[in-house]
């Protein structure tokens, strides 16, 4: 589980894995960020499932608010 300072820590990790600085994560960036925050790697199927659930607006990318919401499922 994520520590009490999650909002600040989550934003920092999100920014670290947002390699093109567009404040959106693709599936690979998303996987790295989830692994950093949870300490566990997801297999491809689990990662893609979580990514699809996180991508609320269906644009194929995950924004910071979508990312924060997806972490509640872990």
PDB file of N, CA and C in Angstrom:
ATOM      1  N   UNK A   1       0.836  -1.185   0.000  1.00  0.00           N
ATOM      2  CA  UNK A   1       0.000   0.000   0.000  1.00  0.00           C
ATOM      3  C   UNK A   1       0.881   1.248   0.000  1.00  0.00           C
ATOM      4  N   UNK A   2       0.350   2.330  -0.459  1.00  0.00           N
ATOM      5  CA  UNK A   2       1.081   3.588  -0.569  1.00  0.00           C
ATOM      6  C   UNK A   2       1.056   4.322   0.768  1.00  0.00           C
ATOM      7  N   UNK A   3       2.147   4.986   1.082  1.00  0.00           N
ATOM      8  CA  UNK A   3       2.280   5.670   2.362  1.00  0.00           C
ATOM      9  C   UNK A   3       1.352   6.875   2.472  1.00  0.00           C
ATOM     10  N   UNK A   4       1.287   7.439   3.673  1.00  0.00           N
ATOM     11  CA  UNK A   4       0.376   8.551   3.965  1.00  0.00           C
ATOM     12  C   UNK A   4       0.633   9.780   3.098  1.00  0.00           C
ATOM     13  N   UNK A   5       1.872   9.981   2.670  1.00  0.00           N
ATOM     14  CA  UNK A   5       2.170  11.156   1.843  1.00  0.00           C
ATOM     15  C   UNK A   5       1.953  10.848   0.360  1.00  0.00           C
ATOM     16  N   UNK A   6       1.032   9.980   0.080  1.00  0.00           N
ATOM     17  CA  UNK A   6       0.785   9.496  -1.282  1.00  0.00           C
ATOM     18  C   UNK A   6       0.608  10.598  -2.317  1.00  0.00           C
ATOM     19  N   UNK A   7      -0.203  11.628  -2.079  1.00  0.00           N
ATOM     20  CA  UNK A   7      -0.378  12.604  -3.156  1.00  0.00           C
ATOM     21  C   UNK A   7       0.946  13.201  -3.639  1.00  0.00           C
ATOM     22  N   UNK A   8       1.809  13.625  -2.737  1.00  0.00           N
ATOM     23  CA  UNK A   8       3.086  14.200  -3.141  1.00  0.00           C
ATOM     24  C   UNK A   8       3.985  13.137  -3.759  1.00  0.00           C
ATOM     25  N   UNK A   9       4.070  11.973  -3.117  1.00  0.00           N
ATOM     26  CA  UNK A   9       4.895  10.888  -3.635  1.00  0.00           C
ATOM     27  C   UNK A   9       4.387  10.366  -4.960  1.00  0.00           C
ATOM     28  N   UNK A  10       3.084  10.284  -5.090  1.00  0.00           N
ATOM     29  CA  UNK A  10       2.485   9.809  -6.333  1.00  0.00           C
ATOM     30  C   UNK A  10       2.801  10.766  -7.469  1.00  0.00           C
ATOM     31  N   UNK A  11       2.673  12.050  -7.220  1.00  0.00           N
ATOM     32  CA  UNK A  11       2.985  13.044  -8.253  1.00  0.00           C
ATOM     33  C   UNK A  11       4.453  12.972  -8.668  1.00  0.00           C
ATOM     34  N   UNK A  12       5.330  12.791  -7.692  1.00  0.00           N
ATOM     35  CA  UNK A  12       6.758  12.712  -7.989  1.00  0.00           C
ATOM     36  C   UNK A  12       7.066  11.496  -8.859  1.00  0.00           C
ATOM     37  N   UNK A  13       6.487  10.353  -8.520  1.00  0.00           N
ATOM     38  CA  UNK A  13       6.715   9.139  -9.306  1.00  0.00           C
ATOM     39  C   UNK A  13       6.103   9.291 -10.691  1.00  0.00           C
ATOM     40  N   UNK A  14       4.910   9.853 -10.757  1.00  0.00           N
ATOM     41  CA  UNK A  14       4.255  10.087 -12.040  1.00  0.00           C
ATOM     42  C   UNK A  14       5.174  10.925 -12.927  1.00  0.00           C
ATOM     43  N   UNK A  15       5.690  12.018 -12.385  1.00  0.00           N
ATOM     44  CA  UNK A  15       6.576  12.893 -13.150  1.00  0.00           C
ATOM     45  C   UNK A  15       7.862  12.209 -13.570  1.00  0.00           C
ATOM     46  N   UNK A  16       8.381  11.348 -12.716  1.00  0.00           N
ATOM     47  CA  UNK A  16       9.612  10.617 -13.029  1.00  0.00           C
ATOM     48  C   UNK A  16       9.408   9.674 -14.219  1.00  0.00           C
ATOM     49  N   UNK A  17       8.274   9.020 -14.290  1.00  0.00           N
ATOM     50  CA  UNK A  17       8.035   8.049 -15.350  1.00  0.00           C
ATOM     51  C   UNK A  17       7.397   8.661 -16.593  1.00  0.00           C
ATOM     52  N   UNK A  18       6.987   9.902 -16.513  1.00  0.00           N
ATOM     53  CA  UNK A  18       6.448  10.612 -17.677  1.00  0.00           C
ATOM     54  C   UNK A  18       7.625  11.094 -18.511  1.00  0.00           C
ATOM     55  N   UNK A  19       8.164  10.203 -19.320  1.00  0.00           N
ATOM     56  CA  UNK A  19       9.437  10.458 -19.991  1.00  0.00           C
ATOM     57  C   UNK A  19       9.387  11.571 -21.033  1.00  0.00           C
ATOM     58  N   UNK A  20       8.211  11.885 -21.575  1.00  0.00           N
ATOM     59  CA  UNK A  20       8.134  12.955 -22.566  1.00  0.00           C
ATOM     60  C   UNK A  20       7.535  14.248 -21.996  1.00  0.00           C
ATOM     61  N   UNK A  21       7.351  14.285 -20.686  1.00  0.00           N
ATOM     62  CA  UNK A  21       6.888  15.490 -19.971  1.00  0.00           C
ATOM     63  C   UNK A  21       5.562  16.052 -20.477  1.00  0.00           C
ATOM     64  N   UNK A  22       4.660  15.177 -20.905  1.00  0.00           N
ATOM     65  CA  UNK A  22       3.347  15.651 -21.348  1.00  0.00           C
ATOM     66  C   UNK A  22       2.276  15.475 -20.266  1.00  0.00           C
ATOM     67  N   UNK A  23       2.670  14.997 -19.083  1.00  0.00           N
ATOM     68  CA  UNK A  23       1.779  14.730 -17.953  1.00  0.00           C
ATOM     69  C   UNK A  23       0.709  13.699 -18.299  1.00  0.00           C
ATOM     70  N   UNK A  24       1.126  12.759 -19.161  1.00  0.00           N
ATOM     71  CA  UNK A  24       0.307  11.605 -19.511  1.00  0.00           C
ATOM     72  C   UNK A  24       1.225  10.390 -19.560  1.00  0.00           C
ATOM     73  N   UNK A  25       0.738   9.255 -19.116  1.00  0.00           N
ATOM     74  CA  UNK A  25       1.531   8.030 -19.144  1.00  0.00           C
ATOM     75  C   UNK A  25       0.987   7.067 -20.187  1.00  0.00           C
ATOM     76  N   UNK A  26       1.893   6.497 -20.994  1.00  0.00           N
ATOM     77  CA  UNK A  26       1.488   5.390 -21.851  1.00  0.00           C
ATOM     78  C   UNK A  26       1.571   4.115 -21.018  1.00  0.00           C
ATOM     79  N   UNK A  27       1.247   2.988 -21.594  1.00  0.00           N
ATOM     80  CA  UNK A  27       1.173   1.748 -20.812  1.00  0.00           C
ATOM     81  C   UNK A  27       2.530   1.374 -20.210  1.00  0.00           C
ATOM     82  N   UNK A  28       3.619   1.632 -20.920  1.00  0.00           N
ATOM     83  CA  UNK A  28       4.944   1.270 -20.396  1.00  0.00           C
ATOM     84  C   UNK A  28       5.354   2.192 -19.247  1.00  0.00           C
ATOM     85  N   UNK A  29       5.120   3.485 -19.403  1.00  0.00           N
ATOM     86  CA  UNK A  29       5.413   4.436 -18.324  1.00  0.00           C
ATOM     87  C   UNK A  29       4.549   4.112 -17.106  1.00  0.00           C
ATOM     88  N   UNK A  30       3.284   3.810 -17.354  1.00  0.00           N
ATOM     89  CA  UNK A  30       2.332   3.469 -16.295  1.00  0.00           C
ATOM     90  C   UNK A  30       2.821   2.251 -15.510  1.00  0.00           C
ATOM     91  N   UNK A  31       3.275   1.228 -16.231  1.00  0.00           N
ATOM     92  CA  UNK A  31       3.767   0.014 -15.569  1.00  0.00           C
ATOM     93  C   UNK A  31       4.950   0.290 -14.661  1.00  0.00           C
ATOM     94  N   UNK A  32       5.877   1.117 -15.121  1.00  0.00           N
ATOM     95  CA  UNK A  32       7.031   1.463 -14.296  1.00  0.00           C
ATOM     96  C   UNK A  32       6.635   2.228 -13.051  1.00  0.00           C
ATOM     97  N   UNK A  33       5.700   3.145 -13.197  1.00  0.00           N
ATOM     98  CA  UNK A  33       5.248   3.938 -12.050  1.00  0.00           C
ATOM     99  C   UNK A  33       4.513   3.077 -11.032  1.00  0.00           C
ATOM    100  N   UNK A  34       3.661   2.183 -11.508  1.00  0.00           N
ATOM    101  CA  UNK A  34       2.932   1.280 -10.600  1.00  0.00           C
ATOM    102  C   UNK A  34       3.920   0.392  -9.848  1.00  0.00           C
ATOM    103  N   UNK A  35       4.904  -0.127 -10.569  1.00  0.00           N
ATOM    104  CA  UNK A  35       5.902  -0.976  -9.920  1.00  0.00           C
ATOM    105  C   UNK A  35       6.680  -0.208  -8.860  1.00  0.00           C
ATOM    106  N   UNK A  36       7.068   1.033  -9.155  1.00  0.00           N
ATOM    107  CA  UNK A  36       7.817   1.831  -8.185  1.00  0.00           C
ATOM    108  C   UNK A  36       6.994   2.075  -6.927  1.00  0.00           C
ATOM    109  N   UNK A  37       5.720   2.393  -7.096  1.00  0.00           N
ATOM    110  CA  UNK A  37       4.883   2.727  -5.940  1.00  0.00           C
ATOM    111  C   UNK A  37       4.457   1.511  -5.126  1.00  0.00           C
ATOM    112  N   UNK A  38       4.286   0.374  -5.780  1.00  0.00           N
ATOM    113  CA  UNK A  38       3.785  -0.805  -5.070  1.00  0.00           C
ATOM    114  C   UNK A  38       4.875  -1.791  -4.712  1.00  0.00           C
ATOM    115  N   UNK A  39       6.021  -1.684  -5.383  1.00  0.00           N
ATOM    116  CA  UNK A  39       7.103  -2.618  -5.128  1.00  0.00           C
ATOM    117  C   UNK A  39       6.912  -3.962  -5.803  1.00  0.00           C
ATOM    118  N   UNK A  40       5.962  -4.049  -6.724  1.00  0.00           N
ATOM    119  CA  UNK A  40       5.756  -5.319  -7.430  1.00  0.00           C
ATOM    120  C   UNK A  40       5.456  -5.053  -8.900  1.00  0.00           C
ATOM    121  N   UNK A  41       5.985  -5.941  -9.719  1.00  0.00           N
ATOM    122  CA  UNK A  41       5.747  -5.852 -11.156  1.00  0.00           C
ATOM    123  C   UNK A  41       4.477  -6.627 -11.488  1.00  0.00           C
ATOM    124  N   UNK A  42       3.689  -6.088 -12.387  1.00  0.00           N
ATOM    125  CA  UNK A  42       2.489  -6.778 -12.852  1.00  0.00           C
ATOM    126  C   UNK A  42       2.822  -7.517 -14.141  1.00  0.00           C
ATOM    127  N   UNK A  43       2.221  -8.697 -14.322  1.00  0.00           N
ATOM    128  CA  UNK A  43       2.411  -9.373 -15.606  1.00  0.00           C
ATOM    129  C   UNK A  43       1.677  -8.570 -16.683  1.00  0.00           C
ATOM    130  N   UNK A  44       1.962  -8.856 -17.944  1.00  0.00           N
ATOM    131  CA  UNK A  44       1.407  -8.078 -19.057  1.00  0.00           C
ATOM    132  C   UNK A  44      -0.117  -7.987 -19.015  1.00  0.00           C
ATOM    133  N   UNK A  45      -0.776  -9.103 -18.767  1.00  0.00           N
ATOM    134  CA  UNK A  45      -2.245  -9.101 -18.748  1.00  0.00           C
ATOM    135  C   UNK A  45      -2.786  -8.217 -17.629  1.00  0.00           C
ATOM    136  N   UNK A  46      -2.219  -8.350 -16.442  1.00  0.00           N
ATOM    137  CA  UNK A  46      -2.677  -7.555 -15.302  1.00  0.00           C
ATOM    138  C   UNK A  46      -2.400  -6.075 -15.540  1.00  0.00           C
ATOM    139  N   UNK A  47      -1.238  -5.769 -16.113  1.00  0.00           N
ATOM    140  CA  UNK A  47      -0.884  -4.375 -16.391  1.00  0.00           C
ATOM    141  C   UNK A  47      -1.855  -3.766 -17.405  1.00  0.00           C
ATOM    142  N   UNK A  48      -2.095  -4.468 -18.484  1.00  0.00           N
ATOM    143  CA  UNK A  48      -3.003  -3.933 -19.512  1.00  0.00           C
ATOM    144  C   UNK A  48      -4.434  -3.788 -18.983  1.00  0.00           C
ATOM    145  N   UNK A  49      -4.856  -4.730 -18.146  1.00  0.00           N
ATOM    146  CA  UNK A  49      -6.192  -4.641 -17.543  1.00  0.00           C
ATOM    147  C   UNK A  49      -6.282  -3.396 -16.650  1.00  0.00           C
ATOM    148  N   UNK A  50      -5.298  -3.210 -15.782  1.00  0.00           N
ATOM    149  CA  UNK A  50      -5.299  -2.048 -14.895  1.00  0.00           C
ATOM    150  C   UNK A  50      -5.205  -0.754 -15.707  1.00  0.00           C
ATOM    151  N   UNK A  51      -4.386  -0.751 -16.745  1.00  0.00           N
ATOM    152  CA  UNK A  51      -4.243   0.435 -17.588  1.00  0.00           C
ATOM    153  C   UNK A  51      -5.574   0.798 -18.243  1.00  0.00           C
ATOM    154  N   UNK A  52      -6.264  -0.189 -18.796  1.00  0.00           N
ATOM    155  CA  UNK A  52      -7.566   0.080 -19.437  1.00  0.00           C
ATOM    156  C   UNK A  52      -8.571   0.630 -18.435  1.00  0.00           C
ATOM    157  N   UNK A  53      -8.558   0.088 -17.223  1.00  0.00           N
ATOM    158  CA  UNK A  53      -9.466   0.589 -16.182  1.00  0.00           C
ATOM    159  C   UNK A  53      -9.088   2.009 -15.758  1.00  0.00           C
ATOM    160  N   UNK A  54      -7.783   2.288 -15.737  1.00  0.00           N
ATOM    161  CA  UNK A  54      -7.310   3.615 -15.321  1.00  0.00           C
ATOM    162  C   UNK A  54      -7.612   4.671 -16.381  1.00  0.00           C
ATOM    163  N   UNK A  55      -7.591   4.275 -17.648  1.00  0.00           N
ATOM    164  CA  UNK A  55      -7.788   5.206 -18.761  1.00  0.00           C
ATOM    165  C   UNK A  55      -9.281   5.504 -18.924  1.00  0.00           C
ATOM    166  N   UNK A  56      -9.802   6.281 -18.000  1.00  0.00           N
ATOM    167  CA  UNK A  56     -11.235   6.555 -17.914  1.00  0.00           C
ATOM    168  C   UNK A  56     -11.772   7.222 -19.177  1.00  0.00           C
ATOM    169  N   UNK A  57     -11.006   8.144 -19.753  1.00  0.00           N
ATOM    170  CA  UNK A  57     -11.509   8.853 -20.933  1.00  0.00           C
ATOM    171  C   UNK A  57     -11.230   8.125 -22.248  1.00  0.00           C
ATOM    172  N   UNK A  58     -10.534   6.985 -22.171  1.00  0.00           N
ATOM    173  CA  UNK A  58     -10.325   6.152 -23.342  1.00  0.00           C
ATOM    174  C   UNK A  58      -9.392   6.707 -24.404  1.00  0.00           C
ATOM    175  N   UNK A  59      -8.508   7.642 -24.029  1.00  0.00           N
ATOM    176  CA  UNK A  59      -7.607   8.235 -25.017  1.00  0.00           C
ATOM    177  C   UNK A  59      -6.309   7.453 -25.212  1.00  0.00           C
ATOM    178  N   UNK A  60      -6.155   6.338 -24.498  1.00  0.00           N
ATOM    179  CA  UNK A  60      -4.955   5.528 -24.629  1.00  0.00           C
ATOM    180  C   UNK A  60      -3.790   6.007 -23.793  1.00  0.00           C
ATOM    181  N   UNK A  61      -4.053   6.986 -22.928  1.00  0.00           N
ATOM    182  CA  UNK A  61      -3.050   7.533 -22.015  1.00  0.00           C
ATOM    183  C   UNK A  61      -3.689   7.731 -20.655  1.00  0.00           C
ATOM    184  N   UNK A  62      -2.866   7.740 -19.620  1.00  0.00           N
ATOM    185  CA  UNK A  62      -3.374   7.917 -18.254  1.00  0.00           C
ATOM    186  C   UNK A  62      -2.853   9.239 -17.703  1.00  0.00           C
ATOM    187  N   UNK A  63      -3.786  10.106 -17.313  1.00  0.00           N
ATOM    188  CA  UNK A  63      -3.445  11.397 -16.702  1.00  0.00           C
ATOM    189  C   UNK A  63      -3.165  11.195 -15.212  1.00  0.00           C
ATOM    190  N   UNK A  64      -2.666  12.223 -14.562  1.00  0.00           N
ATOM    191  CA  UNK A  64      -2.391  12.135 -13.131  1.00  0.00           C
ATOM    192  C   UNK A  64      -3.649  11.793 -12.332  1.00  0.00           C
ATOM    193  N   UNK A  65      -4.790  12.453 -12.539  1.00  0.00           N
ATOM    194  CA  UNK A  65      -5.982  12.068 -11.778  1.00  0.00           C
ATOM    195  C   UNK A  65      -6.416  10.622 -12.045  1.00  0.00           C
ATOM    196  N   UNK A  66      -6.301  10.176 -13.286  1.00  0.00           N
ATOM    197  CA  UNK A  66      -6.639   8.784 -13.602  1.00  0.00           C
ATOM    198  C   UNK A  66      -5.672   7.846 -12.889  1.00  0.00           C
ATOM    199  N   UNK A  67      -4.388   8.213 -12.870  1.00  0.00           N
ATOM    200  CA  UNK A  67      -3.367   7.399 -12.217  1.00  0.00           C
ATOM    201  C   UNK A  67      -3.642   7.280 -10.726  1.00  0.00           C
ATOM    202  N   UNK A  68      -3.927   8.402 -10.085  1.00  0.00           N
ATOM    203  CA  UNK A  68      -4.219   8.389  -8.643  1.00  0.00           C
ATOM    204  C   UNK A  68      -5.432   7.504  -8.355  1.00  0.00           C
ATOM    205  N   UNK A  69      -6.454   7.577  -9.208  1.00  0.00           N
ATOM    206  CA  UNK A  69      -7.635   6.737  -9.031  1.00  0.00           C
ATOM    207  C   UNK A  69      -7.331   5.271  -9.197  1.00  0.00           C
ATOM    208  N   UNK A  70      -6.439   4.931 -10.138  1.00  0.00           N
ATOM    209  CA  UNK A  70      -6.128   3.521 -10.382  1.00  0.00           C
ATOM    210  C   UNK A  70      -5.389   2.890  -9.213  1.00  0.00           C
ATOM    211  N   UNK A  71      -4.642   3.679  -8.475  1.00  0.00           N
ATOM    212  CA  UNK A  71      -3.865   3.127  -7.354  1.00  0.00           C
ATOM    213  C   UNK A  71      -4.754   2.644  -6.234  1.00  0.00           C
ATOM    214  N   UNK A  72      -5.980   3.149  -6.170  1.00  0.00           N
ATOM    215  CA  UNK A  72      -6.923   2.700  -5.152  1.00  0.00           C
ATOM    216  C   UNK A  72      -7.340   1.261  -5.364  1.00  0.00           C
ATOM    217  N   UNK A  73      -7.155   0.747  -6.581  1.00  0.00           N
ATOM    218  CA  UNK A  73      -7.514  -0.629  -6.912  1.00  0.00           C
ATOM    219  C   UNK A  73      -6.440  -1.625  -6.524  1.00  0.00           C
ATOM    220  N   UNK A  74      -5.263  -1.147  -6.187  1.00  0.00           N
ATOM    221  CA  UNK A  74      -4.155  -2.056  -5.880  1.00  0.00           C
ATOM    222  C   UNK A  74      -4.147  -2.468  -4.428  1.00  0.00           C
TER     223      UNK A  74
END
